[in-house]
């Protein structure tokens, strides 16, 4: 016989499922979720909201490191950036890394400024 009889015997009462063996794996997954996965999802959600709120006049930084001013929002996926005087480039919205300065909303009360000098 080439196979030893010891390999054919069962282990007796030691067999079965041990839930404590999976406890370290579960704990590692929980730690990874709270330290890595959840904060990254939060950052992605914040970035998506920032990019969606981008409008004309905002100074932005692209993922490639270009700093420019948003001249025009073409559609949901593209913007036109002015990176130098009379130098405009089209960029995909998702490549905008950060918004440096938000553009100030236009004042509609321009008539109030002239009234301050009148007495």
PDB file of N, CA and C in Angstrom:
ATOM      1  N   UNK A   1       0.817  -1.161   0.000  1.00  0.00           N
ATOM      2  CA  UNK A   1       0.000   0.000   0.000  1.00  0.00           C
ATOM      3  C   UNK A   1       0.880   1.250   0.000  1.00  0.00           C
ATOM      4  N   UNK A   2       0.551   2.209  -0.881  1.00  0.00           N
ATOM      5  CA  UNK A   2       1.356   3.400  -0.999  1.00  0.00           C
ATOM      6  C   UNK A   2       0.873   4.522  -0.071  1.00  0.00           C
ATOM      7  N   UNK A   3      -0.392   4.508   0.282  1.00  0.00           N
ATOM      8  CA  UNK A   3      -0.940   5.554   1.134  1.00  0.00           C
ATOM      9  C   UNK A   3      -1.015   5.038   2.565  1.00  0.00           C
ATOM     10  N   UNK A   4      -0.508   5.819   3.463  1.00  0.00           N
ATOM     11  CA  UNK A   4      -0.501   5.422   4.865  1.00  0.00           C
ATOM     12  C   UNK A   4      -1.921   5.445   5.421  1.00  0.00           C
ATOM     13  N   UNK A   5      -2.288   4.548   6.296  1.00  0.00           N
ATOM     14  CA  UNK A   5      -3.622   4.524   6.887  1.00  0.00           C
ATOM     15  C   UNK A   5      -3.898   5.769   7.752  1.00  0.00           C
ATOM     16  N   UNK A   6      -2.872   6.473   8.185  1.00  0.00           N
ATOM     17  CA  UNK A   6      -3.078   7.640   9.041  1.00  0.00           C
ATOM     18  C   UNK A   6      -3.776   8.768   8.273  1.00  0.00           C
ATOM     19  N   UNK A   7      -3.566   8.875   6.964  1.00  0.00           N
ATOM     20  CA  UNK A   7      -4.219   9.922   6.180  1.00  0.00           C
ATOM     21  C   UNK A   7      -5.711   9.647   6.004  1.00  0.00           C
ATOM     22  N   UNK A   8      -6.118   8.438   6.066  1.00  0.00           N
ATOM     23  CA  UNK A   8      -7.507   8.084   5.846  1.00  0.00           C
ATOM     24  C   UNK A   8      -8.353   8.252   7.095  1.00  0.00           C
ATOM     25  N   UNK A   9      -7.742   8.394   8.241  1.00  0.00           N
ATOM     26  CA  UNK A   9      -8.511   8.519   9.465  1.00  0.00           C
ATOM     27  C   UNK A   9      -8.970   9.964   9.653  1.00  0.00           C
ATOM     28  N   UNK A  10     -10.124  10.115  10.258  1.00  0.00           N
ATOM     29  CA  UNK A  10     -10.640  11.458  10.527  1.00  0.00           C
ATOM     30  C   UNK A  10      -9.992  12.004  11.797  1.00  0.00           C
ATOM     31  N   UNK A  11     -10.207  13.331  12.050  1.00  0.00           N
ATOM     32  CA  UNK A  11      -9.560  13.967  13.191  1.00  0.00           C
ATOM     33  C   UNK A  11     -10.312  13.754  14.492  1.00  0.00           C
ATOM     34  N   UNK A  12     -11.394  13.117  14.468  1.00  0.00           N
ATOM     35  CA  UNK A  12     -12.137  12.843  15.685  1.00  0.00           C
ATOM     36  C   UNK A  12     -13.061  13.995  16.041  1.00  0.00           C
ATOM     37  N   UNK A  13     -12.980  14.525  17.271  1.00  0.00           N
ATOM     38  CA  UNK A  13     -13.895  15.545  17.743  1.00  0.00           C
ATOM     39  C   UNK A  13     -13.426  16.974  17.473  1.00  0.00           C
ATOM     40  N   UNK A  14     -12.308  17.205  16.806  1.00  0.00           N
ATOM     41  CA  UNK A  14     -11.780  18.552  16.602  1.00  0.00           C
ATOM     42  C   UNK A  14     -12.442  19.256  15.418  1.00  0.00           C
ATOM     43  N   UNK A  15     -13.076  18.592  14.533  1.00  0.00           N
ATOM     44  CA  UNK A  15     -13.670  19.206  13.350  1.00  0.00           C
ATOM     45  C   UNK A  15     -14.845  20.114  13.685  1.00  0.00           C
ATOM     46  N   UNK A  16     -15.281  20.938  12.708  1.00  0.00           N
ATOM     47  CA  UNK A  16     -16.429  21.811  12.905  1.00  0.00           C
ATOM     48  C   UNK A  16     -16.074  23.265  12.626  1.00  0.00           C
ATOM     49  N   UNK A  17     -17.077  24.126  12.797  1.00  0.00           N
ATOM     50  CA  UNK A  17     -16.926  25.552  12.506  1.00  0.00           C
ATOM     51  C   UNK A  17     -16.579  26.313  13.781  1.00  0.00           C
ATOM     52  N   UNK A  18     -15.533  27.137  13.711  1.00  0.00           N
ATOM     53  CA  UNK A  18     -15.116  27.933  14.861  1.00  0.00           C
ATOM     54  C   UNK A  18     -15.274  29.408  14.520  1.00  0.00           C
ATOM     55  N   UNK A  19     -16.315  30.067  15.030  1.00  0.00           N
ATOM     56  CA  UNK A  19     -16.530  31.482  14.693  1.00  0.00           C
ATOM     57  C   UNK A  19     -15.421  32.409  15.218  1.00  0.00           C
ATOM     58  N   UNK A  20     -14.742  32.029  16.247  1.00  0.00           N
ATOM     59  CA  UNK A  20     -13.663  32.857  16.789  1.00  0.00           C
ATOM     60  C   UNK A  20     -12.475  32.949  15.824  1.00  0.00           C
ATOM     61  N   UNK A  21     -12.372  32.024  14.886  1.00  0.00           N
ATOM     62  CA  UNK A  21     -11.284  32.079  13.915  1.00  0.00           C
ATOM     63  C   UNK A  21     -11.481  33.230  12.933  1.00  0.00           C
ATOM     64  N   UNK A  22     -12.735  33.655  12.712  1.00  0.00           N
ATOM     65  CA  UNK A  22     -13.019  34.744  11.783  1.00  0.00           C
ATOM     66  C   UNK A  22     -13.061  36.118  12.458  1.00  0.00           C
ATOM     67  N   UNK A  23     -13.005  36.152  13.769  1.00  0.00           N
ATOM     68  CA  UNK A  23     -13.069  37.409  14.493  1.00  0.00           C
ATOM     69  C   UNK A  23     -11.945  38.382  14.102  1.00  0.00           C
ATOM     70  N   UNK A  24     -10.699  37.960  13.984  1.00  0.00           N
ATOM     71  CA  UNK A  24      -9.658  38.911  13.556  1.00  0.00           C
ATOM     72  C   UNK A  24      -9.914  39.491  12.162  1.00  0.00           C
ATOM     73  N   UNK A  25     -10.424  38.697  11.248  1.00  0.00           N
ATOM     74  CA  UNK A  25     -10.719  39.192   9.906  1.00  0.00           C
ATOM     75  C   UNK A  25     -11.838  40.233   9.941  1.00  0.00           C
ATOM     76  N   UNK A  26     -12.857  39.990  10.751  1.00  0.00           N
ATOM     77  CA  UNK A  26     -13.966  40.928  10.873  1.00  0.00           C
ATOM     78  C   UNK A  26     -13.469  42.237  11.493  1.00  0.00           C
ATOM     79  N   UNK A  27     -12.649  42.151  12.519  1.00  0.00           N
ATOM     80  CA  UNK A  27     -12.107  43.346  13.166  1.00  0.00           C
ATOM     81  C   UNK A  27     -11.231  44.152  12.207  1.00  0.00           C
ATOM     82  N   UNK A  28     -10.432  43.491  11.405  1.00  0.00           N
ATOM     83  CA  UNK A  28      -9.587  44.184  10.426  1.00  0.00           C
ATOM     84  C   UNK A  28     -10.457  44.903   9.403  1.00  0.00           C
ATOM     85  N   UNK A  29     -11.517  44.262   8.944  1.00  0.00           N
ATOM     86  CA  UNK A  29     -12.414  44.910   7.985  1.00  0.00           C
ATOM     87  C   UNK A  29     -13.085  46.131   8.601  1.00  0.00           C
ATOM     88  N   UNK A  30     -13.528  46.046   9.849  1.00  0.00           N
ATOM     89  CA  UNK A  30     -14.181  47.176  10.518  1.00  0.00           C
ATOM     90  C   UNK A  30     -13.199  48.340  10.662  1.00  0.00           C
ATOM     91  N   UNK A  31     -11.969  48.055  11.040  1.00  0.00           N
ATOM     92  CA  UNK A  31     -10.956  49.109  11.178  1.00  0.00           C
ATOM     93  C   UNK A  31     -10.676  49.751   9.822  1.00  0.00           C
ATOM     94  N   UNK A  32     -10.518  48.963   8.779  1.00  0.00           N
ATOM     95  CA  UNK A  32     -10.292  49.503   7.435  1.00  0.00           C
ATOM     96  C   UNK A  32     -11.466  50.356   6.978  1.00  0.00           C
ATOM     97  N   UNK A  33     -12.677  49.939   7.295  1.00  0.00           N
ATOM     98  CA  UNK A  33     -13.843  50.702   6.876  1.00  0.00           C
ATOM     99  C   UNK A  33     -13.849  52.082   7.526  1.00  0.00           C
ATOM    100  N   UNK A  34     -13.643  52.139   8.828  1.00  0.00           N
ATOM    101  CA  UNK A  34     -13.726  53.423   9.518  1.00  0.00           C
ATOM    102  C   UNK A  34     -12.499  54.298   9.320  1.00  0.00           C
ATOM    103  N   UNK A  35     -11.345  53.725   9.066  1.00  0.00           N
ATOM    104  CA  UNK A  35     -10.135  54.537   8.899  1.00  0.00           C
ATOM    105  C   UNK A  35      -9.804  54.860   7.444  1.00  0.00           C
ATOM    106  N   UNK A  36     -10.248  54.057   6.497  1.00  0.00           N
ATOM    107  CA  UNK A  36      -9.877  54.269   5.097  1.00  0.00           C
ATOM    108  C   UNK A  36     -11.064  54.485   4.165  1.00  0.00           C
ATOM    109  N   UNK A  37     -12.002  53.584   4.166  1.00  0.00           N
ATOM    110  CA  UNK A  37     -13.079  53.601   3.172  1.00  0.00           C
ATOM    111  C   UNK A  37     -14.056  54.746   3.433  1.00  0.00           C
ATOM    112  N   UNK A  38     -14.527  54.901   4.647  1.00  0.00           N
ATOM    113  CA  UNK A  38     -15.535  55.923   4.963  1.00  0.00           C
ATOM    114  C   UNK A  38     -15.023  57.351   4.757  1.00  0.00           C
ATOM    115  N   UNK A  39     -13.813  57.701   5.227  1.00  0.00           N
ATOM    116  CA  UNK A  39     -13.319  59.061   4.962  1.00  0.00           C
ATOM    117  C   UNK A  39     -13.106  59.344   3.474  1.00  0.00           C
ATOM    118  N   UNK A  40     -12.683  58.347   2.714  1.00  0.00           N
ATOM    119  CA  UNK A  40     -12.488  58.544   1.276  1.00  0.00           C
ATOM    120  C   UNK A  40     -13.822  58.789   0.583  1.00  0.00           C
ATOM    121  N   UNK A  41     -14.860  58.071   0.968  1.00  0.00           N
ATOM    122  CA  UNK A  41     -16.185  58.297   0.394  1.00  0.00           C
ATOM    123  C   UNK A  41     -16.700  59.691   0.740  1.00  0.00           C
ATOM    124  N   UNK A  42     -16.414  60.146   1.946  1.00  0.00           N
ATOM    125  CA  UNK A  42     -16.833  61.489   2.355  1.00  0.00           C
ATOM    126  C   UNK A  42     -16.113  62.548   1.524  1.00  0.00           C
ATOM    127  N   UNK A  43     -14.794  62.378   1.302  1.00  0.00           N
ATOM    128  CA  UNK A  43     -14.038  63.323   0.478  1.00  0.00           C
ATOM    129  C   UNK A  43     -14.548  63.345  -0.954  1.00  0.00           C
ATOM    130  N   UNK A  44     -14.869  62.190  -1.506  1.00  0.00           N
ATOM    131  CA  UNK A  44     -15.393  62.129  -2.867  1.00  0.00           C
ATOM    132  C   UNK A  44     -16.731  62.852  -2.967  1.00  0.00           C
ATOM    133  N   UNK A  45     -17.589  62.691  -1.973  1.00  0.00           N
ATOM    134  CA  UNK A  45     -18.894  63.346  -1.978  1.00  0.00           C
ATOM    135  C   UNK A  45     -18.730  64.864  -1.895  1.00  0.00           C
ATOM    136  N   UNK A  46     -17.803  65.349  -1.049  1.00  0.00           N
ATOM    137  CA  UNK A  46     -17.550  66.783  -0.932  1.00  0.00           C
ATOM    138  C   UNK A  46     -16.986  67.353  -2.231  1.00  0.00           C
ATOM    139  N   UNK A  47     -16.062  66.618  -2.868  1.00  0.00           N
ATOM    140  CA  UNK A  47     -15.469  67.070  -4.127  1.00  0.00           C
ATOM    141  C   UNK A  47     -16.523  67.154  -5.222  1.00  0.00           C
ATOM    142  N   UNK A  48     -17.396  66.176  -5.269  1.00  0.00           N
ATOM    143  CA  UNK A  48     -18.457  66.169  -6.278  1.00  0.00           C
ATOM    144  C   UNK A  48     -19.387  67.365  -6.085  1.00  0.00           C
ATOM    145  N   UNK A  49     -19.696  67.695  -4.841  1.00  0.00           N
ATOM    146  CA  UNK A  49     -20.557  68.847  -4.565  1.00  0.00           C
ATOM    147  C   UNK A  49     -19.855  70.148  -4.948  1.00  0.00           C
ATOM    148  N   UNK A  50     -18.550  70.247  -4.667  1.00  0.00           N
ATOM    149  CA  UNK A  50     -17.782  71.441  -5.044  1.00  0.00           C
ATOM    150  C   UNK A  50     -17.775  71.645  -6.545  1.00  0.00           C
ATOM    151  N   UNK A  51     -17.497  70.588  -7.265  1.00  0.00           N
ATOM    152  CA  UNK A  51     -17.418  70.681  -8.726  1.00  0.00           C
ATOM    153  C   UNK A  51     -18.784  70.986  -9.323  1.00  0.00           C
ATOM    154  N   UNK A  52     -19.832  70.460  -8.731  1.00  0.00           N
ATOM    155  CA  UNK A  52     -21.177  70.739  -9.243  1.00  0.00           C
ATOM    156  C   UNK A  52     -21.557  72.203  -9.014  1.00  0.00           C
ATOM    157  N   UNK A  53     -21.028  72.819  -7.958  1.00  0.00           N
ATOM    158  CA  UNK A  53     -21.361  74.208  -7.645  1.00  0.00           C
ATOM    159  C   UNK A  53     -20.429  75.207  -8.336  1.00  0.00           C
ATOM    160  N   UNK A  54     -19.503  74.729  -9.140  1.00  0.00           N
ATOM    161  CA  UNK A  54     -18.552  75.608  -9.815  1.00  0.00           C
ATOM    162  C   UNK A  54     -19.275  76.491 -10.824  1.00  0.00           C
ATOM    163  N   UNK A  55     -18.884  77.775 -10.880  1.00  0.00           N
ATOM    164  CA  UNK A  55     -19.512  78.690 -11.826  1.00  0.00           C
ATOM    165  C   UNK A  55     -18.479  79.665 -12.368  1.00  0.00           C
ATOM    166  N   UNK A  56     -18.920  80.508 -13.278  1.00  0.00           N
ATOM    167  CA  UNK A  56     -18.036  81.453 -13.950  1.00  0.00           C
ATOM    168  C   UNK A  56     -17.377  82.391 -12.935  1.00  0.00           C
ATOM    169  N   UNK A  57     -16.066  82.608 -13.100  1.00  0.00           N
ATOM    170  CA  UNK A  57     -15.332  83.503 -12.226  1.00  0.00           C
ATOM    171  C   UNK A  57     -14.568  82.800 -11.120  1.00  0.00           C
ATOM    172  N   UNK A  58     -14.822  81.530 -10.874  1.00  0.00           N
ATOM    173  CA  UNK A  58     -14.106  80.789  -9.837  1.00  0.00           C
ATOM    174  C   UNK A  58     -12.671  80.513 -10.273  1.00  0.00           C
ATOM    175  N   UNK A  59     -11.719  80.668  -9.340  1.00  0.00           N
ATOM    176  CA  UNK A  59     -10.335  80.263  -9.614  1.00  0.00           C
ATOM    177  C   UNK A  59     -10.192  78.814  -9.174  1.00  0.00           C
ATOM    178  N   UNK A  60      -9.662  77.983 -10.063  1.00  0.00           N
ATOM    179  CA  UNK A  60      -9.588  76.555  -9.797  1.00  0.00           C
ATOM    180  C   UNK A  60      -8.190  76.024 -10.092  1.00  0.00           C
ATOM    181  N   UNK A  61      -7.908  74.847  -9.540  1.00  0.00           N
ATOM    182  CA  UNK A  61      -6.677  74.118  -9.824  1.00  0.00           C
ATOM    183  C   UNK A  61      -7.089  72.787 -10.439  1.00  0.00           C
ATOM    184  N   UNK A  62      -6.504  72.447 -11.586  1.00  0.00           N
ATOM    185  CA  UNK A  62      -6.806  71.159 -12.208  1.00  0.00           C
ATOM    186  C   UNK A  62      -5.949  70.079 -11.573  1.00  0.00           C
ATOM    187  N   UNK A  63      -6.270  68.845 -11.877  1.00  0.00           N
ATOM    188  CA  UNK A  63      -5.494  67.723 -11.353  1.00  0.00           C
ATOM    189  C   UNK A  63      -4.067  67.746 -11.897  1.00  0.00           C
ATOM    190  N   UNK A  64      -3.873  68.359 -13.050  1.00  0.00           N
ATOM    191  CA  UNK A  64      -2.539  68.467 -13.633  1.00  0.00           C
ATOM    192  C   UNK A  64      -1.731  69.626 -13.078  1.00  0.00           C
ATOM    193  N   UNK A  65      -2.346  70.449 -12.217  1.00  0.00           N
ATOM    194  CA  UNK A  65      -1.633  71.541 -11.588  1.00  0.00           C
ATOM    195  C   UNK A  65      -1.826  72.893 -12.238  1.00  0.00           C
ATOM    196  N   UNK A  66      -2.649  72.991 -13.265  1.00  0.00           N
ATOM    197  CA  UNK A  66      -2.901  74.279 -13.903  1.00  0.00           C
ATOM    198  C   UNK A  66      -3.861  75.102 -13.046  1.00  0.00           C
ATOM    199  N   UNK A  67      -3.534  76.378 -12.883  1.00  0.00           N
ATOM    200  CA  UNK A  67      -4.405  77.284 -12.152  1.00  0.00           C
ATOM    201  C   UNK A  67      -5.070  78.197 -13.165  1.00  0.00           C
ATOM    202  N   UNK A  68      -6.375  78.313 -13.089  1.00  0.00           N
ATOM    203  CA  UNK A  68      -7.087  79.141 -14.046  1.00  0.00           C
ATOM    204  C   UNK A  68      -8.397  79.640 -13.484  1.00  0.00           C
ATOM    205  N   UNK A  69      -9.037  80.467 -14.283  1.00  0.00           N
ATOM    206  CA  UNK A  69     -10.330  81.035 -13.924  1.00  0.00           C
ATOM    207  C   UNK A  69     -11.381  80.462 -14.855  1.00  0.00           C
ATOM    208  N   UNK A  70     -12.502  80.062 -14.294  1.00  0.00           N
ATOM    209  CA  UNK A  70     -13.582  79.511 -15.111  1.00  0.00           C
ATOM    210  C   UNK A  70     -14.193  80.656 -15.911  1.00  0.00           C
ATOM    211  N   UNK A  71     -14.134  80.529 -17.236  1.00  0.00           N
ATOM    212  CA  UNK A  71     -14.701  81.527 -18.129  1.00  0.00           C
ATOM    213  C   UNK A  71     -16.125  81.144 -18.500  1.00  0.00           C
ATOM    214  N   UNK A  72     -16.337  79.856 -18.740  1.00  0.00           N
ATOM    215  CA  UNK A  72     -17.643  79.403 -19.194  1.00  0.00           C
ATOM    216  C   UNK A  72     -17.826  77.951 -18.793  1.00  0.00           C
ATOM    217  N   UNK A  73     -19.023  77.612 -18.357  1.00  0.00           N
ATOM    218  CA  UNK A  73     -19.390  76.225 -18.096  1.00  0.00           C
ATOM    219  C   UNK A  73     -20.114  75.740 -19.332  1.00  0.00           C
ATOM    220  N   UNK A  74     -19.459  74.831 -20.089  1.00  0.00           N
ATOM    221  CA  UNK A  74     -20.011  74.376 -21.360  1.00  0.00           C
ATOM    222  C   UNK A  74     -21.228  73.483 -21.125  1.00  0.00           C
ATOM    223  N   UNK A  75     -21.055  72.439 -20.350  1.00  0.00           N
ATOM    224  CA  UNK A  75     -22.155  71.537 -20.011  1.00  0.00           C
ATOM    225  C   UNK A  75     -21.812  70.849 -18.694  1.00  0.00           C
ATOM    226  N   UNK A  76     -22.465  69.732 -18.422  1.00  0.00           N
ATOM    227  CA  UNK A  76     -22.227  69.033 -17.159  1.00  0.00           C
ATOM    228  C   UNK A  76     -20.838  68.424 -17.074  1.00  0.00           C
ATOM    229  N   UNK A  77     -20.147  68.285 -18.209  1.00  0.00           N
ATOM    230  CA  UNK A  77     -18.856  67.614 -18.206  1.00  0.00           C
ATOM    231  C   UNK A  77     -17.675  68.509 -18.548  1.00  0.00           C
ATOM    232  N   UNK A  78     -17.891  69.694 -19.078  1.00  0.00           N
ATOM    233  CA  UNK A  78     -16.787  70.535 -19.543  1.00  0.00           C
ATOM    234  C   UNK A  78     -16.903  71.961 -19.033  1.00  0.00           C
ATOM    235  N   UNK A  79     -15.716  72.561 -18.839  1.00  0.00           N
ATOM    236  CA  UNK A  79     -15.621  73.979 -18.519  1.00  0.00           C
ATOM    237  C   UNK A  79     -14.501  74.576 -19.365  1.00  0.00           C
ATOM    238  N   UNK A  80     -14.566  75.882 -19.598  1.00  0.00           N
ATOM    239  CA  UNK A  80     -13.502  76.589 -20.293  1.00  0.00           C
ATOM    240  C   UNK A  80     -12.763  77.397 -19.242  1.00  0.00           C
ATOM    241  N   UNK A  81     -11.437  77.190 -19.169  1.00  0.00           N
ATOM    242  CA  UNK A  81     -10.599  77.874 -18.198  1.00  0.00           C
ATOM    243  C   UNK A  81      -9.684  78.853 -18.904  1.00  0.00           C
ATOM    244  N   UNK A  82      -9.465  79.996 -18.294  1.00  0.00           N
ATOM    245  CA  UNK A  82      -8.480  80.944 -18.801  1.00  0.00           C
ATOM    246  C   UNK A  82      -7.261  80.804 -17.891  1.00  0.00           C
ATOM    247  N   UNK A  83      -6.156  80.255 -18.452  1.00  0.00           N
ATOM    248  CA  UNK A  83      -4.971  80.006 -17.648  1.00  0.00           C
ATOM    249  C   UNK A  83      -3.952  81.135 -17.764  1.00  0.00           C
ATOM    250  N   UNK A  84      -4.084  81.964 -18.793  1.00  0.00           N
ATOM    251  CA  UNK A  84      -3.263  83.163 -18.974  1.00  0.00           C
ATOM    252  C   UNK A  84      -4.106  84.136 -19.786  1.00  0.00           C
ATOM    253  N   UNK A  85      -3.597  85.338 -19.945  1.00  0.00           N
ATOM    254  CA  UNK A  85      -4.354  86.324 -20.708  1.00  0.00           C
ATOM    255  C   UNK A  85      -4.524  85.830 -22.143  1.00  0.00           C
ATOM    256  N   UNK A  86      -5.770  85.744 -22.590  1.00  0.00           N
ATOM    257  CA  UNK A  86      -6.146  85.272 -23.931  1.00  0.00           C
ATOM    258  C   UNK A  86      -5.711  83.832 -24.205  1.00  0.00           C
ATOM    259  N   UNK A  87      -5.529  83.027 -23.171  1.00  0.00           N
ATOM    260  CA  UNK A  87      -5.210  81.608 -23.336  1.00  0.00           C
ATOM    261  C   UNK A  87      -6.287  80.807 -22.618  1.00  0.00           C
ATOM    262  N   UNK A  88      -7.141  80.185 -23.402  1.00  0.00           N
ATOM    263  CA  UNK A  88      -8.249  79.419 -22.840  1.00  0.00           C
ATOM    264  C   UNK A  88      -8.117  77.952 -23.217  1.00  0.00           C
ATOM    265  N   UNK A  89      -8.457  77.106 -22.266  1.00  0.00           N
ATOM    266  CA  UNK A  89      -8.429  75.662 -22.490  1.00  0.00           C
ATOM    267  C   UNK A  89      -9.756  75.079 -22.025  1.00  0.00           C
ATOM    268  N   UNK A  90     -10.114  73.968 -22.643  1.00  0.00           N
ATOM    269  CA  UNK A  90     -11.303  73.237 -22.212  1.00  0.00           C
ATOM    270  C   UNK A  90     -10.837  72.122 -21.286  1.00  0.00           C
ATOM    271  N   UNK A  91     -11.557  71.944 -20.193  1.00  0.00           N
ATOM    272  CA  UNK A  91     -11.192  70.920 -19.216  1.00  0.00           C
ATOM    273  C   UNK A  91     -12.439  70.138 -18.819  1.00  0.00           C
ATOM    274  N   UNK A  92     -12.230  68.894 -18.512  1.00  0.00           N
ATOM    275  CA  UNK A  92     -13.313  68.057 -18.006  1.00  0.00           C
ATOM    276  C   UNK A  92     -13.537  68.426 -16.551  1.00  0.00           C
ATOM    277  N   UNK A  93     -14.778  68.549 -16.160  1.00  0.00           N
ATOM    278  CA  UNK A  93     -15.109  68.985 -14.803  1.00  0.00           C
ATOM    279  C   UNK A  93     -14.478  68.121 -13.723  1.00  0.00           C
ATOM    280  N   UNK A  94     -14.440  66.825 -13.943  1.00  0.00           N
ATOM    281  CA  UNK A  94     -13.918  65.926 -12.918  1.00  0.00           C
ATOM    282  C   UNK A  94     -12.421  66.067 -12.712  1.00  0.00           C
ATOM    283  N   UNK A  95     -11.723  66.746 -13.623  1.00  0.00           N
ATOM    284  CA  UNK A  95     -10.285  66.943 -13.433  1.00  0.00           C
ATOM    285  C   UNK A  95      -9.991  68.183 -12.594  1.00  0.00           C
ATOM    286  N   UNK A  96     -11.011  68.904 -12.175  1.00  0.00           N
ATOM    287  CA  UNK A  96     -10.798  70.046 -11.295  1.00  0.00           C
ATOM    288  C   UNK A  96     -10.495  69.498  -9.904  1.00  0.00           C
ATOM    289  N   UNK A  97      -9.306  69.822  -9.418  1.00  0.00           N
ATOM    290  CA  UNK A  97      -8.889  69.298  -8.121  1.00  0.00           C
ATOM    291  C   UNK A  97      -9.416  70.103  -6.956  1.00  0.00           C
ATOM    292  N   UNK A  98      -9.391  71.441  -7.076  1.00  0.00           N
ATOM    293  CA  UNK A  98      -9.818  72.267  -5.962  1.00  0.00           C
ATOM    294  C   UNK A  98     -10.298  73.618  -6.482  1.00  0.00           C
ATOM    295  N   UNK A  99     -11.150  74.260  -5.731  1.00  0.00           N
ATOM    296  CA  UNK A  99     -11.610  75.606  -6.063  1.00  0.00           C
ATOM    297  C   UNK A  99     -10.945  76.544  -5.069  1.00  0.00           C
ATOM    298  N   UNK A 100     -10.092  77.450  -5.585  1.00  0.00           N
ATOM    299  CA  UNK A 100      -9.332  78.347  -4.720  1.00  0.00           C
ATOM    300  C   UNK A 100     -10.182  79.490  -4.200  1.00  0.00           C
ATOM    301  N   UNK A 101     -10.825  80.217  -5.104  1.00  0.00           N
ATOM    302  CA  UNK A 101     -11.664  81.363  -4.729  1.00  0.00           C
ATOM    303  C   UNK A 101     -13.014  81.202  -5.393  1.00  0.00           C
ATOM    304  N   UNK A 102     -14.034  81.361  -4.607  1.00  0.00           N
ATOM    305  CA  UNK A 102     -15.372  81.385  -5.191  1.00  0.00           C
ATOM    306  C   UNK A 102     -15.633  82.786  -5.708  1.00  0.00           C
ATOM    307  N   UNK A 103     -16.321  82.885  -6.835  1.00  0.00           N
ATOM    308  CA  UNK A 103     -16.672  84.185  -7.393  1.00  0.00           C
ATOM    309  C   UNK A 103     -17.733  84.835  -6.528  1.00  0.00           C
ATOM    310  N   UNK A 104     -17.633  86.141  -6.361  1.00  0.00           N
ATOM    311  CA  UNK A 104     -18.618  86.880  -5.585  1.00  0.00           C
ATOM    312  C   UNK A 104     -19.891  87.041  -6.409  1.00  0.00           C
ATOM    313  N   UNK A 105     -21.051  86.878  -5.789  1.00  0.00           N
ATOM    314  CA  UNK A 105     -22.292  87.104  -6.537  1.00  0.00           C
ATOM    315  C   UNK A 105     -22.405  88.574  -6.924  1.00  0.00           C
ATOM    316  N   UNK A 106     -22.991  88.829  -8.067  1.00  0.00           N
ATOM    317  CA  UNK A 106     -23.132  90.196  -8.566  1.00  0.00           C
ATOM    318  C   UNK A 106     -24.149  90.951  -7.727  1.00  0.00           C
ATOM    319  N   UNK A 107     -23.834  92.222  -7.397  1.00  0.00           N
ATOM    320  CA  UNK A 107     -24.759  93.059  -6.641  1.00  0.00           C
ATOM    321  C   UNK A 107     -25.796  93.650  -7.581  1.00  0.00           C
ATOM    322  N   UNK A 108     -27.052  93.566  -7.186  1.00  0.00           N
ATOM    323  CA  UNK A 108     -28.121  94.182  -7.975  1.00  0.00           C
ATOM    324  C   UNK A 108     -28.444  95.588  -7.470  1.00  0.00           C
ATOM    325  N   UNK A 109     -27.923  95.968  -6.298  1.00  0.00           N
ATOM    326  CA  UNK A 109     -28.205  97.268  -5.700  1.00  0.00           C
ATOM    327  C   UNK A 109     -27.110  98.268  -6.035  1.00  0.00           C
ATOM    328  N   UNK A 110     -26.847  98.495  -7.288  1.00  0.00           N
ATOM    329  CA  UNK A 110     -25.809  99.440  -7.697  1.00  0.00           C
ATOM    330  C   UNK A 110     -26.255 100.879  -7.515  1.00  0.00           C
ATOM    331  N   UNK A 111     -27.538 101.158  -7.445  1.00  0.00           N
ATOM    332  CA  UNK A 111     -28.061 102.496  -7.278  1.00  0.00           C
ATOM    333  C   UNK A 111     -27.842 103.036  -5.872  1.00  0.00           C
ATOM    334  N   UNK A 112     -27.628 102.157  -4.872  1.00  0.00           N
ATOM    335  CA  UNK A 112     -27.442 102.603  -3.502  1.00  0.00           C
ATOM    336  C   UNK A 112     -26.105 103.314  -3.311  1.00  0.00           C
ATOM    337  N   UNK A 113     -25.103 103.007  -4.106  1.00  0.00           N
ATOM    338  CA  UNK A 113     -23.777 103.586  -3.938  1.00  0.00           C
ATOM    339  C   UNK A 113     -23.782 105.074  -4.239  1.00  0.00           C
ATOM    340  N   UNK A 114     -24.549 105.528  -5.208  1.00  0.00           N
ATOM    341  CA  UNK A 114     -24.596 106.931  -5.566  1.00  0.00           C
ATOM    342  C   UNK A 114     -25.399 107.768  -4.595  1.00  0.00           C
ATOM    343  N   UNK A 115     -26.285 107.147  -3.831  1.00  0.00           N
ATOM    344  CA  UNK A 115     -27.139 107.876  -2.902  1.00  0.00           C
ATOM    345  C   UNK A 115     -26.409 108.288  -1.643  1.00  0.00           C
ATOM    346  N   UNK A 116     -25.271 107.672  -1.318  1.00  0.00           N
ATOM    347  CA  UNK A 116     -24.564 107.966  -0.076  1.00  0.00           C
ATOM    348  C   UNK A 116     -23.969 109.366  -0.092  1.00  0.00           C
ATOM    349  N   UNK A 117     -23.583 109.876  -1.246  1.00  0.00           N
ATOM    350  CA  UNK A 117     -22.969 111.205  -1.328  1.00  0.00           C
ATOM    351  C   UNK A 117     -23.981 112.318  -1.323  1.00  0.00           C
ATOM    352  N   UNK A 118     -25.219 112.082  -1.586  1.00  0.00           N
ATOM    353  CA  UNK A 118     -26.244 113.129  -1.630  1.00  0.00           C
ATOM    354  C   UNK A 118     -26.711 113.488  -0.236  1.00  0.00           C
ATOM    355  N   UNK A 119     -26.782 114.816   0.063  1.00  0.00           N
ATOM    356  CA  UNK A 119     -27.284 115.264   1.357  1.00  0.00           C
ATOM    357  C   UNK A 119     -28.272 116.351   1.197  1.00  0.00           C
TER     358      UNK A 119
END
